[in-house]
Amino acid sequence: MSAKHPVISITGSSGAGTTSVKRIFEQIFRRENVSAAFIEGDAFHRYDRAAMKAKVAEQEKAGNPNFTHFHAEANELETLQEIFEEYGRRGSGRTRTYVHDDEEAKLYDCAPGCFTPWREFEPSDLLFYEGLHGCAVTEKVDLARHADLKIGVVPVINLEWIQKIHRDRSTRGYSTEAVMDVILRRMPDYTRYIVPQFSLTNINFQRVPIVDTSNPFIARWIPTPDESMLVIRFANPRGIDFPYLLSMIHNSFMSRANSIVVPGNKLDLAMQLILTPLILQLIERKRRAS
């Protein structure tokens, strides 16, 4: 953690909706004139697409059918921690981009499934990470202790699967069966490396559908925001103005002393109201430390 060079970490599983949350942060940054250096978690995979396929085959041959990108050893978490530390000390660091598809390949002049060269951060007010392991704690790393604001994005599991299936089918050309296989192979790593992070976050945003999602593998549509509720849990509710939030967000209510429930279509408003003051606090603390 660093008063002078703060780090914001958004953590969520594949298909959880972290990219949508990132867009809301970008709106806040733009409105409040905050410059951010961005890191995508995919940039710190240890292997490119071809090498990962070879590694998975190697692990399966060795008796481990569940080696996935969720696993700590499939990612350069030590390098990510070094960059968090460097940014906290000096406000500098580097990142790269993992190219997913042909559209991104044209943008970055790099083959799909490969990484772009490393590039240095531009001068910035804060560092923003979005990916799988923003609060990961293993025997080798403790990324959670380097982040000044930690946000978890964690839909209920069936909704998360529906979102992943629809995304991977529509944007990556996978079949439902292929996505199901990935989900099942990832489950051990999901429970070991992803789930524990949500106990280390400052705030969790959990979307809960209010329609039947009992069989996510045959769902024809992703439940819409109007068909969802959003549970927002604060690890430390001290200083959170719940009466103000309840007055500003129609049909919201408190479910516990540290949790507020809002309609799913109020995600943008809720995040703007909750996160803007926290971001401004980080910037004010930075100003005082400079």
C-alpha atoms as a PDB file:
ATOM      1  CA  MET A   1       0.000   0.000   0.000  1.00  0.00           C
ATOM      2  CA  SER A   2       1.198   3.477  -0.807  1.00  0.00           C
ATOM      3  CA  ALA A   3      -0.221   6.897  -0.026  1.00  0.00           C
ATOM      4  CA  LYS A   4       1.884   8.524  -2.733  1.00  0.00           C
ATOM      5  CA  HIS A   5       1.216   5.987  -5.502  1.00  0.00           C
ATOM      6  CA  PRO A   6      -2.077   4.156  -4.802  1.00  0.00           C
ATOM      7  CA  VAL A   7      -3.109   0.855  -6.376  1.00  0.00           C
ATOM      8  CA  ILE A   8      -6.705  -0.195  -7.116  1.00  0.00           C
ATOM      9  CA  SER A   9      -7.301  -3.898  -7.710  1.00  0.00           C
ATOM     10  CA  ILE A  10     -10.435  -5.372  -9.312  1.00  0.00           C
ATOM     11  CA  THR A  11     -10.652  -9.136  -8.921  1.00  0.00           C
ATOM     12  CA  GLY A  12     -13.100 -11.519 -10.540  1.00  0.00           C
ATOM     13  CA  SER A  13     -13.295 -14.826 -12.337  1.00  0.00           C
ATOM     14  CA  SER A  14     -13.507 -15.254 -16.103  1.00  0.00           C
ATOM     15  CA  GLY A  15     -16.963 -14.074 -17.174  1.00  0.00           C
ATOM     16  CA  ALA A  16     -17.701 -12.344 -13.862  1.00  0.00           C
ATOM     17  CA  GLY A  17     -18.080  -8.884 -15.387  1.00  0.00           C
ATOM     18  CA  THR A  18     -14.842  -7.182 -14.350  1.00  0.00           C
ATOM     19  CA  THR A  19     -14.551  -5.527 -17.771  1.00  0.00           C
ATOM     20  CA  SER A  20     -17.903  -3.783 -17.259  1.00  0.00           C
ATOM     21  CA  VAL A  21     -16.748  -2.610 -13.837  1.00  0.00           C
ATOM     22  CA  LYS A  22     -13.537  -1.317 -15.412  1.00  0.00           C
ATOM     23  CA  ARG A  23     -15.606   0.864 -17.765  1.00  0.00           C
ATOM     24  CA  ILE A  24     -17.389   2.424 -14.785  1.00  0.00           C
ATOM     25  CA  PHE A  25     -14.037   3.212 -13.175  1.00  0.00           C
ATOM     26  CA  GLU A  26     -12.902   4.785 -16.446  1.00  0.00           C
ATOM     27  CA  GLN A  27     -15.976   7.039 -16.370  1.00  0.00           C
ATOM     28  CA  ILE A  28     -15.121   8.149 -12.833  1.00  0.00           C
ATOM     29  CA  PHE A  29     -11.469   8.742 -13.746  1.00  0.00           C
ATOM     30  CA  ARG A  30     -12.485  10.828 -16.753  1.00  0.00           C
ATOM     31  CA  ARG A  31     -15.034  12.894 -14.822  1.00  0.00           C
ATOM     32  CA  GLU A  32     -12.724  13.529 -11.860  1.00  0.00           C
ATOM     33  CA  ASN A  33      -9.664  14.158 -14.051  1.00  0.00           C
ATOM     34  CA  VAL A  34      -7.727  11.213 -12.601  1.00  0.00           C
ATOM     35  CA  SER A  35      -5.054   9.599 -14.778  1.00  0.00           C
ATOM     36  CA  ALA A  36      -4.567   5.854 -14.347  1.00  0.00           C
ATOM     37  CA  ALA A  37      -2.046   3.281 -15.502  1.00  0.00           C
ATOM     38  CA  PHE A  38      -3.903   0.094 -16.452  1.00  0.00           C
ATOM     39  CA  ILE A  39      -2.920  -3.548 -16.028  1.00  0.00           C
ATOM     40  CA  GLU A  40      -4.949  -6.430 -17.454  1.00  0.00           C
ATOM     41  CA  GLY A  41      -4.535  -9.691 -15.588  1.00  0.00           C
ATOM     42  CA  ASP A  42      -4.227 -11.661 -18.843  1.00  0.00           C
ATOM     43  CA  ALA A  43      -0.951  -9.851 -19.490  1.00  0.00           C
ATOM     44  CA  PHE A  44       0.612 -11.847 -16.662  1.00  0.00           C
ATOM     45  CA  HIS A  45      -0.216 -15.327 -17.874  1.00  0.00           C
ATOM     46  CA  ARG A  46       2.991 -17.344 -17.849  1.00  0.00           C
ATOM     47  CA  TYR A  47       2.340 -19.001 -21.221  1.00  0.00           C
ATOM     48  CA  ASP A  48       1.014 -17.870 -24.581  1.00  0.00           C
ATOM     49  CA  ARG A  49      -1.839 -19.875 -26.126  1.00  0.00           C
ATOM     50  CA  ALA A  50       0.310 -22.519 -27.823  1.00  0.00           C
ATOM     51  CA  ALA A  51       2.598 -22.950 -24.818  1.00  0.00           C
ATOM     52  CA  MET A  52      -0.403 -23.219 -22.487  1.00  0.00           C
ATOM     53  CA  LYS A  53      -1.902 -26.010 -24.593  1.00  0.00           C
ATOM     54  CA  ALA A  54       1.416 -27.847 -24.411  1.00  0.00           C
ATOM     55  CA  LYS A  55       1.634 -27.285 -20.643  1.00  0.00           C
ATOM     56  CA  VAL A  56      -1.923 -28.544 -20.100  1.00  0.00           C
ATOM     57  CA  ALA A  57      -1.124 -31.675 -22.123  1.00  0.00           C
ATOM     58  CA  GLU A  58       2.056 -32.165 -20.096  1.00  0.00           C
ATOM     59  CA  GLN A  59       0.142 -31.829 -16.824  1.00  0.00           C
ATOM     60  CA  GLU A  60      -2.571 -34.237 -17.993  1.00  0.00           C
ATOM     61  CA  LYS A  61       0.109 -36.773 -18.879  1.00  0.00           C
ATOM     62  CA  ALA A  62       1.532 -36.338 -15.371  1.00  0.00           C
ATOM     63  CA  GLY A  63      -1.894 -37.045 -13.837  1.00  0.00           C
ATOM     64  CA  ASN A  64      -3.186 -33.491 -13.333  1.00  0.00           C
ATOM     65  CA  PRO A  65      -6.207 -32.846 -15.607  1.00  0.00           C
ATOM     66  CA  ASN A  66      -7.039 -29.531 -13.917  1.00  0.00           C
ATOM     67  CA  PHE A  67      -4.144 -27.195 -14.733  1.00  0.00           C
ATOM     68  CA  THR A  68      -5.708 -23.889 -15.866  1.00  0.00           C
ATOM     69  CA  HIS A  69      -5.092 -20.141 -16.026  1.00  0.00           C
ATOM     70  CA  PHE A  70      -6.601 -19.888 -12.539  1.00  0.00           C
ATOM     71  CA  HIS A  71      -3.589 -21.741 -11.099  1.00  0.00           C
ATOM     72  CA  ALA A  72      -0.899 -19.562  -9.539  1.00  0.00           C
ATOM     73  CA  GLU A  73       1.858 -21.349 -11.461  1.00  0.00           C
ATOM     74  CA  ALA A  74       0.138 -20.538 -14.771  1.00  0.00           C
ATOM     75  CA  ASN A  75       0.731 -16.843 -14.099  1.00  0.00           C
ATOM     76  CA  GLU A  76       3.669 -14.517 -13.483  1.00  0.00           C
ATOM     77  CA  LEU A  77       2.406 -13.475 -10.054  1.00  0.00           C
ATOM     78  CA  GLU A  78       5.899 -12.778  -8.740  1.00  0.00           C
ATOM     79  CA  THR A  79       6.439 -10.331 -11.608  1.00  0.00           C
ATOM     80  CA  LEU A  80       3.041  -8.744 -10.952  1.00  0.00           C
ATOM     81  CA  GLN A  81       3.927  -8.293  -7.283  1.00  0.00           C
ATOM     82  CA  GLU A  82       7.237  -6.676  -8.237  1.00  0.00           C
ATOM     83  CA  ILE A  83       5.350  -4.194 -10.426  1.00  0.00           C
ATOM     84  CA  PHE A  84       2.845  -3.438  -7.646  1.00  0.00           C
ATOM     85  CA  GLU A  85       5.797  -2.824  -5.315  1.00  0.00           C
ATOM     86  CA  GLU A  86       7.659  -0.676  -7.839  1.00  0.00           C
ATOM     87  CA  TYR A  87       4.584   1.419  -8.542  1.00  0.00           C
ATOM     88  CA  GLY A  88       3.967   1.890  -4.820  1.00  0.00           C
ATOM     89  CA  ARG A  89       7.534   3.137  -4.342  1.00  0.00           C
ATOM     90  CA  ARG A  90       8.106   5.228  -7.464  1.00  0.00           C
ATOM     91  CA  GLY A  91       4.891   5.376  -9.493  1.00  0.00           C
ATOM     92  CA  SER A  92       6.524   3.480 -12.358  1.00  0.00           C
ATOM     93  CA  GLY A  93       6.248   0.012 -13.848  1.00  0.00           C
ATOM     94  CA  ARG A  94       5.460  -1.919 -17.007  1.00  0.00           C
ATOM     95  CA  THR A  95       2.812  -4.072 -18.592  1.00  0.00           C
ATOM     96  CA  ARG A  96       1.969  -5.824 -21.847  1.00  0.00           C
ATOM     97  CA  THR A  97      -1.167  -7.101 -23.594  1.00  0.00           C
ATOM     98  CA  TYR A  98      -2.362 -10.634 -24.255  1.00  0.00           C
ATOM     99  CA  VAL A  99      -3.934 -10.655 -27.725  1.00  0.00           C
ATOM    100  CA  HIS A 100      -7.145 -12.708 -27.702  1.00  0.00           C
ATOM    101  CA  ASP A 101      -8.468 -12.557 -31.265  1.00  0.00           C
ATOM    102  CA  ASP A 102      -8.009 -11.260 -34.813  1.00  0.00           C
ATOM    103  CA  GLU A 103      -9.526  -7.869 -33.993  1.00  0.00           C
ATOM    104  CA  GLU A 104      -7.005  -7.275 -31.213  1.00  0.00           C
ATOM    105  CA  ALA A 105      -4.263  -8.672 -33.458  1.00  0.00           C
ATOM    106  CA  LYS A 106      -4.883  -5.843 -35.938  1.00  0.00           C
ATOM    107  CA  LEU A 107      -4.863  -3.286 -33.138  1.00  0.00           C
ATOM    108  CA  TYR A 108      -1.594  -4.465 -31.576  1.00  0.00           C
ATOM    109  CA  ASP A 109       0.117  -5.895 -34.687  1.00  0.00           C
ATOM    110  CA  CYS A 110       0.602  -9.175 -32.874  1.00  0.00           C
ATOM    111  CA  ALA A 111      -0.660 -12.715 -33.534  1.00  0.00           C
ATOM    112  CA  PRO A 112      -3.704 -13.940 -31.571  1.00  0.00           C
ATOM    113  CA  GLY A 113      -2.736 -15.946 -28.518  1.00  0.00           C
ATOM    114  CA  CYS A 114       0.555 -14.090 -28.074  1.00  0.00           C
ATOM    115  CA  PHE A 115       1.834 -11.229 -25.929  1.00  0.00           C
ATOM    116  CA  THR A 116       2.840  -7.771 -27.077  1.00  0.00           C
ATOM    117  CA  PRO A 117       6.272  -6.469 -26.004  1.00  0.00           C
ATOM    118  CA  TRP A 118       6.522  -4.977 -22.525  1.00  0.00           C
ATOM    119  CA  ARG A 119       5.887  -1.218 -22.314  1.00  0.00           C
ATOM    120  CA  GLU A 120       6.484   1.305 -19.544  1.00  0.00           C
ATOM    121  CA  PHE A 121       3.638   3.110 -17.784  1.00  0.00           C
ATOM    122  CA  GLU A 122       2.903   6.698 -18.683  1.00  0.00           C
ATOM    123  CA  PRO A 123       2.908   9.139 -15.707  1.00  0.00           C
ATOM    124  CA  SER A 124      -0.271   8.539 -13.696  1.00  0.00           C
ATOM    125  CA  ASP A 125      -2.129   9.300 -10.470  1.00  0.00           C
ATOM    126  CA  LEU A 126      -2.794   5.650  -9.626  1.00  0.00           C
ATOM    127  CA  LEU A 127      -2.454   2.072 -10.862  1.00  0.00           C
ATOM    128  CA  PHE A 128      -5.560   0.103 -11.841  1.00  0.00           C
ATOM    129  CA  TYR A 129      -5.471  -3.716 -12.077  1.00  0.00           C
ATOM    130  CA  GLU A 130      -8.333  -5.829 -13.436  1.00  0.00           C
ATOM    131  CA  GLY A 131      -8.085  -9.606 -13.611  1.00  0.00           C
ATOM    132  CA  LEU A 132      -8.073 -12.971 -11.867  1.00  0.00           C
ATOM    133  CA  HIS A 133      -5.440 -12.521  -9.168  1.00  0.00           C
ATOM    134  CA  GLY A 134      -5.547  -8.959  -7.864  1.00  0.00           C
ATOM    135  CA  CYS A 135      -5.810 -10.120  -4.242  1.00  0.00           C
ATOM    136  CA  ALA A 136      -4.028 -13.459  -4.569  1.00  0.00           C
ATOM    137  CA  VAL A 137      -2.093 -14.772  -1.584  1.00  0.00           C
ATOM    138  CA  THR A 138       0.113 -17.830  -2.054  1.00  0.00           C
ATOM    139  CA  GLU A 139       3.295 -19.182  -0.515  1.00  0.00           C
ATOM    140  CA  LYS A 140       5.254 -16.931  -2.886  1.00  0.00           C
ATOM    141  CA  VAL A 141       3.214 -13.713  -3.158  1.00  0.00           C
ATOM    142  CA  ASP A 142       0.830 -11.499  -1.223  1.00  0.00           C
ATOM    143  CA  LEU A 143      -0.749  -9.182  -3.778  1.00  0.00           C
ATOM    144  CA  ALA A 144      -3.592  -8.136  -1.471  1.00  0.00           C
ATOM    145  CA  ARG A 145      -1.270  -6.191   0.834  1.00  0.00           C
ATOM    146  CA  HIS A 146      -0.096  -3.963  -2.028  1.00  0.00           C
ATOM    147  CA  ALA A 147      -3.560  -2.721  -3.072  1.00  0.00           C
ATOM    148  CA  ASP A 148      -5.074   0.364  -1.445  1.00  0.00           C
ATOM    149  CA  LEU A 149      -8.605  -0.354  -2.695  1.00  0.00           C
ATOM    150  CA  LYS A 150      -9.656  -3.940  -3.387  1.00  0.00           C
ATOM    151  CA  ILE A 151     -12.914  -4.685  -5.223  1.00  0.00           C
ATOM    152  CA  GLY A 152     -14.407  -8.134  -5.823  1.00  0.00           C
ATOM    153  CA  VAL A 153     -16.791  -8.793  -8.719  1.00  0.00           C
ATOM    154  CA  VAL A 154     -18.445 -12.118  -8.054  1.00  0.00           C
ATOM    155  CA  PRO A 155     -21.852 -13.085  -9.503  1.00  0.00           C
ATOM    156  CA  VAL A 156     -23.521 -16.170  -8.050  1.00  0.00           C
ATOM    157  CA  ILE A 157     -21.889 -19.174  -9.673  1.00  0.00           C
ATOM    158  CA  ASN A 158     -24.638 -20.190 -12.127  1.00  0.00           C
ATOM    159  CA  LEU A 159     -24.892 -16.628 -13.438  1.00  0.00           C
ATOM    160  CA  GLU A 160     -21.115 -16.478 -13.784  1.00  0.00           C
ATOM    161  CA  TRP A 161     -21.200 -19.661 -15.863  1.00  0.00           C
ATOM    162  CA  ILE A 162     -24.022 -18.362 -18.074  1.00  0.00           C
ATOM    163  CA  GLN A 163     -22.078 -15.161 -18.733  1.00  0.00           C
ATOM    164  CA  LYS A 164     -18.918 -17.097 -19.553  1.00  0.00           C
ATOM    165  CA  ILE A 165     -20.709 -19.532 -21.877  1.00  0.00           C
ATOM    166  CA  HIS A 166     -22.384 -16.740 -23.827  1.00  0.00           C
ATOM    167  CA  ARG A 167     -19.206 -14.651 -24.017  1.00  0.00           C
ATOM    168  CA  ASP A 168     -16.977 -17.507 -25.161  1.00  0.00           C
ATOM    169  CA  ARG A 169     -19.518 -18.711 -27.715  1.00  0.00           C
ATOM    170  CA  SER A 170     -20.220 -15.283 -29.201  1.00  0.00           C
ATOM    171  CA  THR A 171     -16.777 -13.649 -29.124  1.00  0.00           C
ATOM    172  CA  ARG A 172     -14.361 -16.583 -29.150  1.00  0.00           C
ATOM    173  CA  GLY A 173     -16.218 -19.148 -31.243  1.00  0.00           C
ATOM    174  CA  TYR A 174     -16.249 -21.935 -28.643  1.00  0.00           C
ATOM    175  CA  SER A 175     -18.993 -24.556 -28.444  1.00  0.00           C
ATOM    176  CA  THR A 176     -21.069 -24.942 -25.280  1.00  0.00           C
ATOM    177  CA  GLU A 177     -19.421 -28.320 -24.675  1.00  0.00           C
ATOM    178  CA  ALA A 178     -15.945 -26.793 -24.921  1.00  0.00           C
ATOM    179  CA  VAL A 179     -16.834 -24.060 -22.417  1.00  0.00           C
ATOM    180  CA  MET A 180     -18.366 -26.637 -20.065  1.00  0.00           C
ATOM    181  CA  ASP A 181     -15.125 -28.607 -20.198  1.00  0.00           C
ATOM    182  CA  VAL A 182     -13.134 -25.486 -19.308  1.00  0.00           C
ATOM    183  CA  ILE A 183     -15.471 -24.690 -16.390  1.00  0.00           C
ATOM    184  CA  LEU A 184     -15.142 -28.199 -14.970  1.00  0.00           C
ATOM    185  CA  ARG A 185     -11.367 -28.298 -15.381  1.00  0.00           C
ATOM    186  CA  ARG A 186     -11.047 -24.934 -13.641  1.00  0.00           C
ATOM    187  CA  MET A 187     -13.126 -25.831 -10.589  1.00  0.00           C
ATOM    188  CA  PRO A 188     -10.274 -27.040  -8.313  1.00  0.00           C
ATOM    189  CA  ASP A 189      -8.181 -23.949  -9.114  1.00  0.00           C
ATOM    190  CA  TYR A 190     -11.271 -21.734  -8.807  1.00  0.00           C
ATOM    191  CA  THR A 191     -11.911 -22.873  -5.245  1.00  0.00           C
ATOM    192  CA  ARG A 192      -8.223 -22.772  -4.301  1.00  0.00           C
ATOM    193  CA  TYR A 193      -7.042 -19.525  -5.894  1.00  0.00           C
ATOM    194  CA  ILE A 194     -10.038 -17.372  -6.874  1.00  0.00           C
ATOM    195  CA  VAL A 195     -12.641 -17.754  -4.119  1.00  0.00           C
ATOM    196  CA  PRO A 196     -10.328 -16.955  -1.137  1.00  0.00           C
ATOM    197  CA  GLN A 197      -9.567 -13.532  -2.606  1.00  0.00           C
ATOM    198  CA  PHE A 198     -13.115 -12.329  -1.967  1.00  0.00           C
ATOM    199  CA  SER A 199     -12.485 -12.534   1.778  1.00  0.00           C
ATOM    200  CA  LEU A 200      -9.637 -10.019   1.354  1.00  0.00           C
ATOM    201  CA  THR A 201     -11.474  -7.344  -0.632  1.00  0.00           C
ATOM    202  CA  ASN A 202     -12.778  -4.052   0.754  1.00  0.00           C
ATOM    203  CA  ILE A 203     -16.027  -4.262  -1.223  1.00  0.00           C
ATOM    204  CA  ASN A 204     -17.699  -7.116  -3.094  1.00  0.00           C
ATOM    205  CA  PHE A 205     -20.316  -6.615  -5.800  1.00  0.00           C
ATOM    206  CA  GLN A 206     -22.380  -9.772  -6.273  1.00  0.00           C
ATOM    207  CA  ARG A 207     -25.110  -9.925  -8.920  1.00  0.00           C
ATOM    208  CA  VAL A 208     -27.943 -12.313  -8.057  1.00  0.00           C
ATOM    209  CA  PRO A 209     -30.512 -13.286 -10.729  1.00  0.00           C
ATOM    210  CA  ILE A 210     -34.185 -13.359  -9.776  1.00  0.00           C
ATOM    211  CA  VAL A 211     -35.078 -15.696 -12.650  1.00  0.00           C
ATOM    212  CA  ASP A 212     -34.452 -19.431 -12.959  1.00  0.00           C
ATOM    213  CA  THR A 213     -30.776 -20.194 -13.672  1.00  0.00           C
ATOM    214  CA  SER A 214     -30.824 -23.731 -12.290  1.00  0.00           C
ATOM    215  CA  ASN A 215     -29.321 -25.186 -15.488  1.00  0.00           C
ATOM    216  CA  PRO A 216     -26.813 -22.621 -16.762  1.00  0.00           C
ATOM    217  CA  PHE A 217     -25.717 -24.849 -19.635  1.00  0.00           C
ATOM    218  CA  ILE A 218     -29.026 -24.560 -21.500  1.00  0.00           C
ATOM    219  CA  ALA A 219     -29.822 -20.913 -20.697  1.00  0.00           C
ATOM    220  CA  ARG A 220     -30.676 -19.103 -23.925  1.00  0.00           C
ATOM    221  CA  TRP A 221     -30.152 -15.613 -22.512  1.00  0.00           C
ATOM    222  CA  ILE A 222     -28.093 -13.949 -19.823  1.00  0.00           C
ATOM    223  CA  PRO A 223     -30.414 -12.565 -17.128  1.00  0.00           C
ATOM    224  CA  THR A 224     -30.738  -8.836 -17.699  1.00  0.00           C
ATOM    225  CA  PRO A 225     -29.990  -6.196 -15.055  1.00  0.00           C
ATOM    226  CA  ASP A 226     -33.763  -5.817 -14.605  1.00  0.00           C
ATOM    227  CA  GLU A 227     -33.877  -9.534 -13.755  1.00  0.00           C
ATOM    228  CA  SER A 228     -31.178  -9.231 -11.091  1.00  0.00           C
ATOM    229  CA  MET A 229     -30.384  -7.760  -7.711  1.00  0.00           C
ATOM    230  CA  LEU A 230     -26.969  -6.551  -6.621  1.00  0.00           C
ATOM    231  CA  VAL A 231     -25.601  -7.388  -3.170  1.00  0.00           C
ATOM    232  CA  ILE A 232     -22.842  -4.989  -2.096  1.00  0.00           C
ATOM    233  CA  ARG A 233     -20.798  -6.096   0.917  1.00  0.00           C
ATOM    234  CA  PHE A 234     -18.376  -3.802   2.772  1.00  0.00           C
ATOM    235  CA  ALA A 235     -15.601  -5.456   4.771  1.00  0.00           C
ATOM    236  CA  ASN A 236     -15.529  -2.399   7.034  1.00  0.00           C
ATOM    237  CA  PRO A 237     -18.794  -0.426   6.928  1.00  0.00           C
ATOM    238  CA  ARG A 238     -17.444   2.343   9.151  1.00  0.00           C
ATOM    239  CA  GLY A 239     -17.655   5.643   7.298  1.00  0.00           C
ATOM    240  CA  ILE A 240     -20.116   4.371   4.673  1.00  0.00           C
ATOM    241  CA  ASP A 241     -23.165   6.656   4.538  1.00  0.00           C
ATOM    242  CA  PHE A 242     -25.856   4.013   4.177  1.00  0.00           C
ATOM    243  CA  PRO A 243     -28.806   6.424   4.702  1.00  0.00           C
ATOM    244  CA  TYR A 244     -27.501   8.521   1.804  1.00  0.00           C
ATOM    245  CA  LEU A 245     -27.137   5.466  -0.446  1.00  0.00           C
ATOM    246  CA  LEU A 246     -30.631   4.252   0.459  1.00  0.00           C
ATOM    247  CA  SER A 247     -32.082   7.669  -0.349  1.00  0.00           C
ATOM    248  CA  MET A 248     -30.248   7.915  -3.681  1.00  0.00           C
ATOM    249  CA  ILE A 249     -30.857   4.369  -4.970  1.00  0.00           C
ATOM    250  CA  HIS A 250     -34.564   3.646  -5.379  1.00  0.00           C
ATOM    251  CA  ASN A 251     -35.771   0.282  -4.013  1.00  0.00           C
ATOM    252  CA  SER A 252     -32.495  -0.436  -2.211  1.00  0.00           C
ATOM    253  CA  PHE A 253     -32.411  -1.905   1.285  1.00  0.00           C
ATOM    254  CA  MET A 254     -30.015  -3.144   3.958  1.00  0.00           C
ATOM    255  CA  SER A 255     -29.777  -6.934   4.283  1.00  0.00           C
ATOM    256  CA  ARG A 256     -27.050  -6.904   6.954  1.00  0.00           C
ATOM    257  CA  ALA A 257     -25.174  -4.256   8.892  1.00  0.00           C
ATOM    258  CA  ASN A 258     -22.422  -4.285   6.253  1.00  0.00           C
ATOM    259  CA  SER A 259     -24.487  -5.052   3.133  1.00  0.00           C
ATOM    260  CA  ILE A 260     -26.835  -3.116   0.894  1.00  0.00           C
ATOM    261  CA  VAL A 261     -29.003  -4.645  -1.843  1.00  0.00           C
ATOM    262  CA  VAL A 262     -29.867  -2.600  -4.932  1.00  0.00           C
ATOM    263  CA  PRO A 263     -31.738  -3.350  -8.178  1.00  0.00           C
ATOM    264  CA  GLY A 264     -29.448  -4.839 -10.810  1.00  0.00           C
ATOM    265  CA  ASN A 265     -30.086  -1.978 -13.223  1.00  0.00           C
ATOM    266  CA  LYS A 266     -28.621   0.433 -10.647  1.00  0.00           C
ATOM    267  CA  LEU A 267     -25.109  -1.061 -10.795  1.00  0.00           C
ATOM    268  CA  ASP A 268     -23.641   1.967 -12.548  1.00  0.00           C
ATOM    269  CA  LEU A 269     -25.258   4.456 -10.152  1.00  0.00           C
ATOM    270  CA  ALA A 270     -24.347   2.419  -7.066  1.00  0.00           C
ATOM    271  CA  MET A 271     -20.712   2.109  -8.090  1.00  0.00           C
ATOM    272  CA  GLN A 272     -20.490   5.798  -8.962  1.00  0.00           C
ATOM    273  CA  LEU A 273     -21.914   6.797  -5.565  1.00  0.00           C
ATOM    274  CA  ILE A 274     -19.785   4.357  -3.574  1.00  0.00           C
ATOM    275  CA  LEU A 275     -16.486   4.448  -5.432  1.00  0.00           C
ATOM    276  CA  THR A 276     -16.128   8.120  -6.363  1.00  0.00           C
ATOM    277  CA  PRO A 277     -15.560   9.276  -2.747  1.00  0.00           C
ATOM    278  CA  LEU A 278     -13.096   6.417  -2.158  1.00  0.00           C
ATOM    279  CA  ILE A 279     -11.098   7.302  -5.269  1.00  0.00           C
ATOM    280  CA  LEU A 280     -11.059  10.975  -4.308  1.00  0.00           C
ATOM    281  CA  GLN A 281      -9.811   9.998  -0.841  1.00  0.00           C
ATOM    282  CA  LEU A 282      -6.896   8.152  -2.455  1.00  0.00           C
ATOM    283  CA  ILE A 283      -6.094  11.194  -4.611  1.00  0.00           C
ATOM    284  CA  GLU A 284      -6.295  13.552  -1.625  1.00  0.00           C
ATOM    285  CA  ARG A 285      -4.022  11.265   0.391  1.00  0.00           C
ATOM    286  CA  LYS A 286      -1.628  11.204  -2.565  1.00  0.00           C
ATOM    287  CA  ARG A 287      -1.654  15.008  -2.743  1.00  0.00           C
ATOM    288  CA  ARG A 288      -0.827  15.314   0.949  1.00  0.00           C
ATOM    289  CA  ALA A 289       1.992  12.761   0.700  1.00  0.00           C
ATOM    290  CA  SER A 290       3.576  14.437  -2.342  1.00  0.00           C
END
